[in-house]
Amino acid sequence: KGGIGTPQLAKNTARALAEHKGAIIYSHGTFATGKILEEAYVVTTQIEHSCAIKYRYDMARKL
C-alpha cells in the first residue's frame, strides 16, 4: 500500500522485508534481502520463477 514514491510505500516495503526475504511491489517489481548479494539474487529469481508458474497456470485455466 502507498502510492509510487511515497513514504508510506517505503515504510510498507521495509516492514514486508523485515518479515520476509522478498516482496513484490506494485509498479516496482521484486525486492529481496540477504546476508550477501548472491542470497538476495536467489530470492529474487525464486519469486520471479513462482510468478511465471502462476501466470502459466492462470493462462492454462482459460483454455
N, C-alpha and C. Protein backbone atom coordinates (compact mmCIF):
# COMPACT_ATOMS: atom_id res chain seq x y z
N LYS A 1 0.84 -1.18 0.00
CA LYS A 1 0.00 0.00 0.00
C LYS A 1 0.88 1.24 0.00
N GLY A 2 0.33 2.29 -0.53
CA GLY A 2 1.07 3.54 -0.64
C GLY A 2 1.35 3.81 -2.10
N GLY A 3 1.21 5.04 -2.50
CA GLY A 3 1.43 5.41 -3.88
C GLY A 3 2.90 5.38 -4.26
N ILE A 4 3.15 5.41 -5.55
CA ILE A 4 4.52 5.37 -6.06
C ILE A 4 5.32 6.53 -5.49
N GLY A 5 6.46 6.22 -4.91
CA GLY A 5 7.37 7.24 -4.39
C GLY A 5 6.97 7.86 -3.06
N THR A 6 5.98 7.28 -2.39
CA THR A 6 5.52 7.86 -1.13
C THR A 6 6.25 7.26 0.07
N PRO A 7 6.32 8.02 1.15
CA PRO A 7 6.91 7.47 2.38
C PRO A 7 6.16 6.23 2.88
N GLN A 8 4.84 6.20 2.67
CA GLN A 8 4.06 5.03 3.09
C GLN A 8 4.51 3.77 2.36
N LEU A 9 4.76 3.88 1.06
CA LEU A 9 5.24 2.73 0.30
C LEU A 9 6.59 2.27 0.83
N ALA A 10 7.48 3.21 1.12
CA ALA A 10 8.79 2.87 1.66
C ALA A 10 8.66 2.15 3.00
N LYS A 11 7.79 2.64 3.87
CA LYS A 11 7.59 2.01 5.18
C LYS A 11 7.00 0.61 5.03
N ASN A 12 6.02 0.47 4.14
CA ASN A 12 5.40 -0.84 3.94
C ASN A 12 6.38 -1.84 3.34
N THR A 13 7.23 -1.37 2.44
CA THR A 13 8.25 -2.24 1.85
C THR A 13 9.24 -2.69 2.92
N ALA A 14 9.70 -1.75 3.74
CA ALA A 14 10.63 -2.10 4.82
C ALA A 14 10.00 -3.09 5.79
N ARG A 15 8.73 -2.89 6.10
CA ARG A 15 8.03 -3.80 7.01
C ARG A 15 7.93 -5.20 6.40
N ALA A 16 7.60 -5.27 5.11
CA ALA A 16 7.50 -6.56 4.44
C ALA A 16 8.84 -7.28 4.43
N LEU A 17 9.91 -6.53 4.17
CA LEU A 17 11.24 -7.15 4.10
C LEU A 17 11.79 -7.49 5.48
N ALA A 18 11.24 -6.92 6.52
CA ALA A 18 11.63 -7.30 7.88
C ALA A 18 11.05 -8.66 8.25
N GLU A 19 9.91 -8.99 7.64
CA GLU A 19 9.22 -10.24 7.94
C GLU A 19 9.47 -11.34 6.92
N HIS A 20 9.88 -10.97 5.71
CA HIS A 20 10.05 -11.92 4.62
C HIS A 20 11.36 -11.64 3.88
N LYS A 21 11.86 -12.64 3.18
CA LYS A 21 13.10 -12.45 2.42
C LYS A 21 12.89 -11.67 1.14
N GLY A 22 11.66 -11.64 0.65
CA GLY A 22 11.39 -10.92 -0.59
C GLY A 22 9.97 -10.40 -0.63
N ALA A 23 9.74 -9.47 -1.56
CA ALA A 23 8.41 -8.89 -1.72
C ALA A 23 8.24 -8.43 -3.16
N ILE A 24 6.99 -8.40 -3.59
CA ILE A 24 6.65 -7.86 -4.90
C ILE A 24 5.93 -6.54 -4.66
N ILE A 25 6.47 -5.47 -5.21
CA ILE A 25 5.90 -4.15 -5.01
C ILE A 25 5.28 -3.69 -6.33
N TYR A 26 3.99 -3.40 -6.29
CA TYR A 26 3.25 -2.98 -7.48
C TYR A 26 3.96 -1.81 -8.16
N SER A 27 4.11 -1.92 -9.45
CA SER A 27 4.75 -0.91 -10.31
C SER A 27 6.24 -0.74 -10.05
N HIS A 28 6.84 -1.61 -9.24
CA HIS A 28 8.27 -1.53 -8.98
C HIS A 28 8.99 -2.85 -9.26
N GLY A 29 8.34 -3.97 -8.97
CA GLY A 29 8.98 -5.27 -9.18
C GLY A 29 9.32 -5.94 -7.86
N THR A 30 10.33 -6.81 -7.92
CA THR A 30 10.70 -7.57 -6.73
C THR A 30 11.80 -6.86 -5.95
N PHE A 31 11.73 -7.05 -4.65
CA PHE A 31 12.78 -6.60 -3.74
C PHE A 31 13.15 -7.80 -2.89
N ALA A 32 14.42 -7.95 -2.57
CA ALA A 32 14.86 -9.08 -1.77
C ALA A 32 15.99 -8.68 -0.85
N THR A 33 16.13 -9.45 0.21
CA THR A 33 17.23 -9.23 1.15
C THR A 33 18.04 -10.50 1.29
N GLY A 34 19.24 -10.35 1.78
CA GLY A 34 20.10 -11.50 2.04
C GLY A 34 21.35 -11.04 2.74
N LYS A 35 22.04 -11.98 3.34
CA LYS A 35 23.29 -11.64 4.02
C LYS A 35 24.37 -11.23 3.03
N ILE A 36 24.27 -11.81 1.82
CA ILE A 36 25.17 -11.43 0.73
C ILE A 36 24.33 -11.23 -0.52
N LEU A 37 24.90 -10.55 -1.49
CA LEU A 37 24.16 -10.24 -2.72
C LEU A 37 23.63 -11.50 -3.40
N GLU A 38 24.42 -12.56 -3.41
CA GLU A 38 24.00 -13.80 -4.07
C GLU A 38 22.72 -14.35 -3.44
N GLU A 39 22.59 -14.27 -2.13
CA GLU A 39 21.39 -14.75 -1.45
C GLU A 39 20.16 -13.94 -1.87
N ALA A 40 20.30 -12.63 -1.94
CA ALA A 40 19.19 -11.78 -2.38
C ALA A 40 18.83 -12.08 -3.83
N TYR A 41 19.83 -12.34 -4.65
CA TYR A 41 19.58 -12.68 -6.06
C TYR A 41 18.78 -13.98 -6.16
N VAL A 42 19.14 -14.97 -5.36
CA VAL A 42 18.42 -16.24 -5.39
C VAL A 42 16.96 -16.03 -4.99
N VAL A 43 16.72 -15.24 -3.98
CA VAL A 43 15.34 -14.95 -3.56
C VAL A 43 14.57 -14.28 -4.69
N THR A 44 15.19 -13.31 -5.35
CA THR A 44 14.54 -12.62 -6.46
C THR A 44 14.20 -13.59 -7.58
N THR A 45 15.12 -14.46 -7.94
CA THR A 45 14.85 -15.40 -9.03
C THR A 45 13.78 -16.40 -8.62
N GLN A 46 13.73 -16.79 -7.35
CA GLN A 46 12.67 -17.69 -6.89
C GLN A 46 11.30 -17.03 -6.99
N ILE A 47 11.23 -15.77 -6.61
CA ILE A 47 9.95 -15.04 -6.71
C ILE A 47 9.53 -14.95 -8.17
N GLU A 48 10.43 -14.57 -9.04
CA GLU A 48 10.09 -14.42 -10.45
C GLU A 48 9.70 -15.76 -11.08
N HIS A 49 10.37 -16.84 -10.68
CA HIS A 49 10.02 -18.16 -11.19
C HIS A 49 8.61 -18.55 -10.72
N SER A 50 8.31 -18.29 -9.46
CA SER A 50 6.98 -18.58 -8.93
C SER A 50 5.90 -17.79 -9.66
N CYS A 51 6.19 -16.53 -9.97
CA CYS A 51 5.24 -15.70 -10.71
C CYS A 51 5.01 -16.25 -12.12
N ALA A 52 6.07 -16.74 -12.75
CA ALA A 52 5.94 -17.31 -14.09
C ALA A 52 5.06 -18.56 -14.06
N ILE A 53 5.24 -19.39 -13.05
CA ILE A 53 4.41 -20.59 -12.91
C ILE A 53 2.95 -20.19 -12.70
N LYS A 54 2.71 -19.24 -11.82
CA LYS A 54 1.34 -18.77 -11.55
C LYS A 54 0.70 -18.20 -12.81
N TYR A 55 1.46 -17.43 -13.58
CA TYR A 55 0.94 -16.86 -14.82
C TYR A 55 0.55 -17.96 -15.80
N ARG A 56 1.42 -18.95 -15.97
CA ARG A 56 1.12 -20.04 -16.91
C ARG A 56 -0.09 -20.85 -16.44
N TYR A 57 -0.19 -21.06 -15.15
CA TYR A 57 -1.35 -21.76 -14.59
C TYR A 57 -2.64 -21.00 -14.90
N ASP A 58 -2.62 -19.71 -14.66
CA ASP A 58 -3.80 -18.89 -14.93
C ASP A 58 -4.17 -18.91 -16.41
N MET A 59 -3.19 -18.86 -17.29
CA MET A 59 -3.45 -18.90 -18.73
C MET A 59 -4.01 -20.26 -19.14
N ALA A 60 -3.49 -21.33 -18.56
CA ALA A 60 -3.96 -22.68 -18.90
C ALA A 60 -5.40 -22.88 -18.45
N ARG A 61 -5.79 -22.28 -17.35
CA ARG A 61 -7.17 -22.41 -16.87
C ARG A 61 -8.16 -21.76 -17.82
N LYS A 62 -7.70 -20.80 -18.61
CA LYS A 62 -8.59 -20.11 -19.55
C LYS A 62 -8.84 -20.93 -20.82
N LEU A 63 -8.06 -21.98 -21.03
CA LEU A 63 -8.23 -22.79 -22.24
C LEU A 63 -9.49 -23.62 -22.20
